[in-house]
Amino acid sequence: MAMKTTFLVRAFVLKRKRLIPGDRQVSPTSSGAMKRAEAMATRMPGAAALQIVADDETGELESTTILGQYG
C-alpha cells in the first residue's frame, strides 16, 4: 500500500446562475497549488486548492484537505 499525495487546483465557473466545477490542474507542491488557485480566482468566480491522499495501487481515497479557497 503506497500512499500518494496529490495537490490539485479546481476552478469554478458560473453556468445558468449556478457555480459548477470547471478545469482542474495538478500542482507539484501545496504552496504552488495555493498560488495557482489564487491567480485563477482573479479570472474566474472561484478556485480551490486541494490535497488528496490516496492509495496508488487501489485508488482508494484516504483523505482530502482544502488548502485554500479563493473568489
PDB file of N, CA and C in Angstrom:
ATOM      1  N   MET A   1       0.824  -1.172   0.000  1.00  0.00           N
ATOM      2  CA  MET A   1       0.000   0.000   0.000  1.00  0.00           C
ATOM      3  C   MET A   1       0.878   1.249   0.000  1.00  0.00           C
ATOM      4  N   ALA A   2       1.017   1.855  -1.140  1.00  0.00           N
ATOM      5  CA  ALA A   2       1.811   3.066  -1.257  1.00  0.00           C
ATOM      6  C   ALA A   2       0.883   4.269  -1.355  1.00  0.00           C
ATOM      7  N   MET A   3       0.920   5.116  -0.338  1.00  0.00           N
ATOM      8  CA  MET A   3       0.083   6.307  -0.346  1.00  0.00           C
ATOM      9  C   MET A   3       0.755   7.400  -1.164  1.00  0.00           C
ATOM     10  N   LYS A   4      -0.050   8.088  -1.950  1.00  0.00           N
ATOM     11  CA  LYS A   4       0.454   9.142  -2.810  1.00  0.00           C
ATOM     12  C   LYS A   4      -0.323  10.425  -2.510  1.00  0.00           C
ATOM     13  N   THR A   5       0.403  11.534  -2.342  1.00  0.00           N
ATOM     14  CA  THR A   5      -0.220  12.828  -2.101  1.00  0.00           C
ATOM     15  C   THR A   5      -0.218  13.620  -3.399  1.00  0.00           C
ATOM     16  N   THR A   6      -1.383  14.137  -3.765  1.00  0.00           N
ATOM     17  CA  THR A   6      -1.538  14.932  -4.974  1.00  0.00           C
ATOM     18  C   THR A   6      -2.109  16.289  -4.591  1.00  0.00           C
ATOM     19  N   PHE A   7      -1.557  17.346  -5.170  1.00  0.00           N
ATOM     20  CA  PHE A   7      -2.061  18.696  -4.947  1.00  0.00           C
ATOM     21  C   PHE A   7      -2.809  19.118  -6.195  1.00  0.00           C
ATOM     22  N   LEU A   8      -4.066  19.487  -6.013  1.00  0.00           N
ATOM     23  CA  LEU A   8      -4.954  19.754  -7.133  1.00  0.00           C
ATOM     24  C   LEU A   8      -5.560  21.137  -6.994  1.00  0.00           C
ATOM     25  N   VAL A   9      -5.699  21.828  -8.128  1.00  0.00           N
ATOM     26  CA  VAL A   9      -6.372  23.121  -8.168  1.00  0.00           C
ATOM     27  C   VAL A   9      -7.641  22.938  -8.988  1.00  0.00           C
ATOM     28  N   ARG A  10      -8.785  23.297  -8.408  1.00  0.00           N
ATOM     29  CA  ARG A  10     -10.070  23.155  -9.092  1.00  0.00           C
ATOM     30  C   ARG A  10     -10.679  24.547  -9.249  1.00  0.00           C
ATOM     31  N   ALA A  11     -10.959  24.926 -10.493  1.00  0.00           N
ATOM     32  CA  ALA A  11     -11.630  26.196 -10.782  1.00  0.00           C
ATOM     33  C   ALA A  11     -13.136  25.978 -10.800  1.00  0.00           C
ATOM     34  N   PHE A  12     -13.873  27.048 -10.555  1.00  0.00           N
ATOM     35  CA  PHE A  12     -15.331  27.001 -10.603  1.00  0.00           C
ATOM     36  C   PHE A  12     -15.833  28.062 -11.566  1.00  0.00           C
ATOM     37  N   VAL A  13     -16.879  27.730 -12.321  1.00  0.00           N
ATOM     38  CA  VAL A  13     -17.447  28.642 -13.315  1.00  0.00           C
ATOM     39  C   VAL A  13     -18.950  28.789 -13.067  1.00  0.00           C
ATOM     40  N   LEU A  14     -19.502  29.881 -13.563  1.00  0.00           N
ATOM     41  CA  LEU A  14     -20.938  30.104 -13.475  1.00  0.00           C
ATOM     42  C   LEU A  14     -21.625  29.577 -14.720  1.00  0.00           C
ATOM     43  N   LYS A  15     -22.664  28.787 -14.519  1.00  0.00           N
ATOM     44  CA  LYS A  15     -23.456  28.264 -15.626  1.00  0.00           C
ATOM     45  C   LYS A  15     -24.911  28.287 -15.181  1.00  0.00           C
ATOM     46  N   ARG A  16     -25.721  29.058 -15.897  1.00  0.00           N
ATOM     47  CA  ARG A  16     -27.140  29.229 -15.540  1.00  0.00           C
ATOM     48  C   ARG A  16     -27.301  29.696 -14.098  1.00  0.00           C
ATOM     49  N   LYS A  17     -26.481  30.665 -13.720  1.00  0.00           N
ATOM     50  CA  LYS A  17     -26.506  31.276 -12.388  1.00  0.00           C
ATOM     51  C   LYS A  17     -26.156  30.298 -11.266  1.00  0.00           C
ATOM     52  N   ARG A  18     -25.467  29.211 -11.601  1.00  0.00           N
ATOM     53  CA  ARG A  18     -25.030  28.230 -10.599  1.00  0.00           C
ATOM     54  C   ARG A  18     -23.533  28.043 -10.709  1.00  0.00           C
ATOM     55  N   LEU A  19     -22.891  27.839  -9.602  1.00  0.00           N
ATOM     56  CA  LEU A  19     -21.452  27.602  -9.556  1.00  0.00           C
ATOM     57  C   LEU A  19     -21.202  26.112  -9.752  1.00  0.00           C
ATOM     58  N   ILE A  20     -20.442  25.760 -10.797  1.00  0.00           N
ATOM     59  CA  ILE A  20     -20.141  24.355 -11.077  1.00  0.00           C
ATOM     60  C   ILE A  20     -18.638  24.180 -11.221  1.00  0.00           C
ATOM     61  N   PRO A  21     -18.113  22.970 -10.990  1.00  0.00           N
ATOM     62  CA  PRO A  21     -16.674  22.730 -11.155  1.00  0.00           C
ATOM     63  C   PRO A  21     -16.248  22.908 -12.604  1.00  0.00           C
ATOM     64  N   GLY A  22     -15.098  23.541 -12.772  1.00  0.00           N
ATOM     65  CA  GLY A  22     -14.544  23.749 -14.107  1.00  0.00           C
ATOM     66  C   GLY A  22     -13.255  22.961 -14.269  1.00  0.00           C
ATOM     67  N   ASP A  23     -12.248  23.621 -14.817  1.00  0.00           N
ATOM     68  CA  ASP A  23     -10.953  22.973 -15.065  1.00  0.00           C
ATOM     69  C   ASP A  23     -10.272  22.577 -13.758  1.00  0.00           C
ATOM     70  N   ARG A  24      -9.420  21.561 -13.871  1.00  0.00           N
ATOM     71  CA  ARG A  24      -8.579  21.181 -12.736  1.00  0.00           C
ATOM     72  C   ARG A  24      -7.155  21.030 -13.232  1.00  0.00           C
ATOM     73  N   GLN A  25      -6.222  21.345 -12.359  1.00  0.00           N
ATOM     74  CA  GLN A  25      -4.802  21.246 -12.685  1.00  0.00           C
ATOM     75  C   GLN A  25      -4.069  20.630 -11.510  1.00  0.00           C
ATOM     76  N   VAL A  26      -3.063  19.844 -11.810  1.00  0.00           N
ATOM     77  CA  VAL A  26      -2.231  19.220 -10.781  1.00  0.00           C
ATOM     78  C   VAL A  26      -1.020  20.125 -10.548  1.00  0.00           C
ATOM     79  N   SER A  27      -0.658  20.282  -9.298  1.00  0.00           N
ATOM     80  CA  SER A  27       0.485  21.104  -8.926  1.00  0.00           C
ATOM     81  C   SER A  27       1.485  20.242  -8.146  1.00  0.00           C
ATOM     82  N   PRO A  28       2.781  20.515  -8.271  1.00  0.00           N
ATOM     83  CA  PRO A  28       3.776  19.679  -7.587  1.00  0.00           C
ATOM     84  C   PRO A  28       3.878  19.931  -6.078  1.00  0.00           C
ATOM     85  N   THR A  29       3.497  21.134  -5.608  1.00  0.00           N
ATOM     86  CA  THR A  29       3.614  21.455  -4.186  1.00  0.00           C
ATOM     87  C   THR A  29       2.338  22.109  -3.676  1.00  0.00           C
ATOM     88  N   SER A  30       2.184  22.131  -2.363  1.00  0.00           N
ATOM     89  CA  SER A  30       0.996  22.756  -1.768  1.00  0.00           C
ATOM     90  C   SER A  30       1.019  24.268  -1.964  1.00  0.00           C
ATOM     91  N   SER A  31       2.182  24.885  -1.784  1.00  0.00           N
ATOM     92  CA  SER A  31       2.253  26.341  -1.966  1.00  0.00           C
ATOM     93  C   SER A  31       2.011  26.721  -3.422  1.00  0.00           C
ATOM     94  N   GLY A  32       2.483  25.907  -4.354  1.00  0.00           N
ATOM     95  CA  GLY A  32       2.224  26.143  -5.767  1.00  0.00           C
ATOM     96  C   GLY A  32       0.747  26.029  -6.101  1.00  0.00           C
ATOM     97  N   ALA A  33       0.073  25.082  -5.475  1.00  0.00           N
ATOM     98  CA  ALA A  33      -1.363  24.908  -5.700  1.00  0.00           C
ATOM     99  C   ALA A  33      -2.136  26.108  -5.170  1.00  0.00           C
ATOM    100  N   MET A  34      -1.762  26.613  -4.002  1.00  0.00           N
ATOM    101  CA  MET A  34      -2.462  27.762  -3.438  1.00  0.00           C
ATOM    102  C   MET A  34      -2.228  29.020  -4.267  1.00  0.00           C
ATOM    103  N   LYS A  35      -1.006  29.211  -4.744  1.00  0.00           N
ATOM    104  CA  LYS A  35      -0.714  30.382  -5.591  1.00  0.00           C
ATOM    105  C   LYS A  35      -1.472  30.302  -6.910  1.00  0.00           C
ATOM    106  N   ARG A  36      -1.523  29.121  -7.482  1.00  0.00           N
ATOM    107  CA  ARG A  36      -2.233  28.934  -8.758  1.00  0.00           C
ATOM    108  C   ARG A  36      -3.734  29.152  -8.573  1.00  0.00           C
ATOM    109  N   ALA A  37      -4.293  28.654  -7.481  1.00  0.00           N
ATOM    110  CA  ALA A  37      -5.721  28.838  -7.217  1.00  0.00           C
ATOM    111  C   ALA A  37      -6.043  30.316  -7.011  1.00  0.00           C
ATOM    112  N   GLU A  38      -5.177  31.015  -6.309  1.00  0.00           N
ATOM    113  CA  GLU A  38      -5.388  32.445  -6.084  1.00  0.00           C
ATOM    114  C   GLU A  38      -5.342  33.219  -7.396  1.00  0.00           C
ATOM    115  N   ALA A  39      -4.426  32.849  -8.275  1.00  0.00           N
ATOM    116  CA  ALA A  39      -4.325  33.505  -9.584  1.00  0.00           C
ATOM    117  C   ALA A  39      -5.538  33.177 -10.456  1.00  0.00           C
ATOM    118  N   MET A  40      -6.020  31.945 -10.416  1.00  0.00           N
ATOM    119  CA  MET A  40      -7.188  31.548 -11.209  1.00  0.00           C
ATOM    120  C   MET A  40      -8.445  32.274 -10.737  1.00  0.00           C
ATOM    121  N   ALA A  41      -8.531  32.563  -9.438  1.00  0.00           N
ATOM    122  CA  ALA A  41      -9.712  33.222  -8.885  1.00  0.00           C
ATOM    123  C   ALA A  41      -9.853  34.658  -9.378  1.00  0.00           C
ATOM    124  N   THR A  42      -8.790  35.245  -9.899  1.00  0.00           N
ATOM    125  CA  THR A  42      -8.897  36.595 -10.448  1.00  0.00           C
ATOM    126  C   THR A  42      -9.588  36.584 -11.802  1.00  0.00           C
ATOM    127  N   ARG A  43      -9.567  35.440 -12.498  1.00  0.00           N
ATOM    128  CA  ARG A  43     -10.180  35.329 -13.823  1.00  0.00           C
ATOM    129  C   ARG A  43     -11.499  34.572 -13.803  1.00  0.00           C
ATOM    130  N   MET A  44     -11.783  33.860 -12.735  1.00  0.00           N
ATOM    131  CA  MET A  44     -12.972  33.026 -12.641  1.00  0.00           C
ATOM    132  C   MET A  44     -13.701  33.351 -11.336  1.00  0.00           C
ATOM    133  N   PRO A  45     -14.940  32.914 -11.194  1.00  0.00           N
ATOM    134  CA  PRO A  45     -15.685  33.200  -9.962  1.00  0.00           C
ATOM    135  C   PRO A  45     -15.051  32.620  -8.696  1.00  0.00           C
ATOM    136  N   GLY A  46     -14.307  31.538  -8.825  1.00  0.00           N
ATOM    137  CA  GLY A  46     -13.692  30.945  -7.655  1.00  0.00           C
ATOM    138  C   GLY A  46     -12.739  29.831  -8.014  1.00  0.00           C
ATOM    139  N   ALA A  47     -11.905  29.464  -7.028  1.00  0.00           N
ATOM    140  CA  ALA A  47     -10.959  28.359  -7.201  1.00  0.00           C
ATOM    141  C   ALA A  47     -10.616  27.807  -5.823  1.00  0.00           C
ATOM    142  N   ALA A  48     -10.222  26.542  -5.794  1.00  0.00           N
ATOM    143  CA  ALA A  48      -9.853  25.890  -4.542  1.00  0.00           C
ATOM    144  C   ALA A  48      -8.587  25.064  -4.751  1.00  0.00           C
ATOM    145  N   ALA A  49      -7.733  25.044  -3.730  1.00  0.00           N
ATOM    146  CA  ALA A  49      -6.535  24.213  -3.734  1.00  0.00           C
ATOM    147  C   ALA A  49      -6.796  23.041  -2.790  1.00  0.00           C
ATOM    148  N   LEU A  50      -6.579  21.815  -3.269  1.00  0.00           N
ATOM    149  CA  LEU A  50      -6.872  20.602  -2.507  1.00  0.00           C
ATOM    150  C   LEU A  50      -5.642  19.723  -2.359  1.00  0.00           C
ATOM    151  N   GLN A  51      -5.566  19.018  -1.249  1.00  0.00           N
ATOM    152  CA  GLN A  51      -4.548  17.989  -1.041  1.00  0.00           C
ATOM    153  C   GLN A  51      -5.284  16.666  -0.945  1.00  0.00           C
ATOM    154  N   ILE A  52      -4.946  15.740  -1.834  1.00  0.00           N
ATOM    155  CA  ILE A  52      -5.613  14.445  -1.871  1.00  0.00           C
ATOM    156  C   ILE A  52      -4.592  13.357  -1.578  1.00  0.00           C
ATOM    157  N   VAL A  53      -4.890  12.508  -0.599  1.00  0.00           N
ATOM    158  CA  VAL A  53      -4.030  11.381  -0.254  1.00  0.00           C
ATOM    159  C   VAL A  53      -4.793  10.111  -0.619  1.00  0.00           C
ATOM    160  N   ALA A  54      -4.199   9.304  -1.516  1.00  0.00           N
ATOM    161  CA  ALA A  54      -4.864   8.089  -1.981  1.00  0.00           C
ATOM    162  C   ALA A  54      -3.849   6.961  -2.127  1.00  0.00           C
ATOM    163  N   ASP A  55      -4.363   5.739  -2.073  1.00  0.00           N
ATOM    164  CA  ASP A  55      -3.539   4.562  -2.292  1.00  0.00           C
ATOM    165  C   ASP A  55      -3.221   4.475  -3.780  1.00  0.00           C
ATOM    166  N   ASP A  56      -1.952   4.437  -4.109  1.00  0.00           N
ATOM    167  CA  ASP A  56      -1.508   4.453  -5.501  1.00  0.00           C
ATOM    168  C   ASP A  56      -1.918   3.184  -6.253  1.00  0.00           C
ATOM    169  N   GLU A  57      -1.983   2.064  -5.563  1.00  0.00           N
ATOM    170  CA  GLU A  57      -2.281   0.790  -6.219  1.00  0.00           C
ATOM    171  C   GLU A  57      -3.781   0.559  -6.426  1.00  0.00           C
ATOM    172  N   THR A  58      -4.570   0.801  -5.385  1.00  0.00           N
ATOM    173  CA  THR A  58      -6.004   0.509  -5.470  1.00  0.00           C
ATOM    174  C   THR A  58      -6.839   1.727  -5.863  1.00  0.00           C
ATOM    175  N   GLY A  59      -6.286   2.932  -5.678  1.00  0.00           N
ATOM    176  CA  GLY A  59      -7.034   4.143  -5.972  1.00  0.00           C
ATOM    177  C   GLY A  59      -7.976   4.548  -4.851  1.00  0.00           C
ATOM    178  N   GLU A  60      -7.899   3.854  -3.708  1.00  0.00           N
ATOM    179  CA  GLU A  60      -8.766   4.153  -2.578  1.00  0.00           C
ATOM    180  C   GLU A  60      -8.365   5.477  -1.932  1.00  0.00           C
ATOM    181  N   LEU A  61      -9.344   6.342  -1.722  1.00  0.00           N
ATOM    182  CA  LEU A  61      -9.121   7.669  -1.169  1.00  0.00           C
ATOM    183  C   LEU A  61      -8.931   7.588   0.336  1.00  0.00           C
ATOM    184  N   GLU A  62      -7.827   8.154   0.822  1.00  0.00           N
ATOM    185  CA  GLU A  62      -7.546   8.170   2.258  1.00  0.00           C
ATOM    186  C   GLU A  62      -8.098   9.458   2.887  1.00  0.00           C
ATOM    187  N   SER A  63      -7.744  10.616   2.311  1.00  0.00           N
ATOM    188  CA  SER A  63      -8.239  11.886   2.852  1.00  0.00           C
ATOM    189  C   SER A  63      -8.149  12.981   1.796  1.00  0.00           C
ATOM    190  N   THR A  64      -8.983  13.999   1.988  1.00  0.00           N
ATOM    191  CA  THR A  64      -8.966  15.186   1.153  1.00  0.00           C
ATOM    192  C   THR A  64      -8.993  16.391   2.071  1.00  0.00           C
ATOM    193  N   THR A  65      -8.093  17.346   1.820  1.00  0.00           N
ATOM    194  CA  THR A  65      -7.994  18.547   2.634  1.00  0.00           C
ATOM    195  C   THR A  65      -8.073  19.766   1.736  1.00  0.00           C
ATOM    196  N   ILE A  66      -8.891  20.738   2.125  1.00  0.00           N
ATOM    197  CA  ILE A  66      -8.950  22.000   1.397  1.00  0.00           C
ATOM    198  C   ILE A  66      -7.844  22.888   1.925  1.00  0.00           C
ATOM    199  N   LEU A  67      -6.864  23.213   1.080  1.00  0.00           N
ATOM    200  CA  LEU A  67      -5.752  24.052   1.486  1.00  0.00           C
ATOM    201  C   LEU A  67      -6.127  25.531   1.424  1.00  0.00           C
ATOM    202  N   GLY A  68      -6.960  25.894   0.483  1.00  0.00           N
ATOM    203  CA  GLY A  68      -7.394  27.286   0.354  1.00  0.00           C
ATOM    204  C   GLY A  68      -8.531  27.412  -0.623  1.00  0.00           C
ATOM    205  N   GLN A  69      -9.383  28.405  -0.379  1.00  0.00           N
ATOM    206  CA  GLN A  69     -10.479  28.675  -1.316  1.00  0.00           C
ATOM    207  C   GLN A  69     -10.469  30.171  -1.596  1.00  0.00           C
ATOM    208  N   TYR A  70     -10.607  30.520  -2.853  1.00  0.00           N
ATOM    209  CA  TYR A  70     -10.467  31.902  -3.289  1.00  0.00           C
ATOM    210  C   TYR A  70     -11.616  32.278  -4.204  1.00  0.00           C
ATOM    211  N   GLY A  71     -12.009  33.546  -4.143  1.00  0.00           N
ATOM    212  CA  GLY A  71     -13.044  34.047  -5.038  1.00  0.00           C
ATOM    213  C   GLY A  71     -14.384  34.183  -4.366  1.00  0.00           C
TER     214      GLY A  71
END
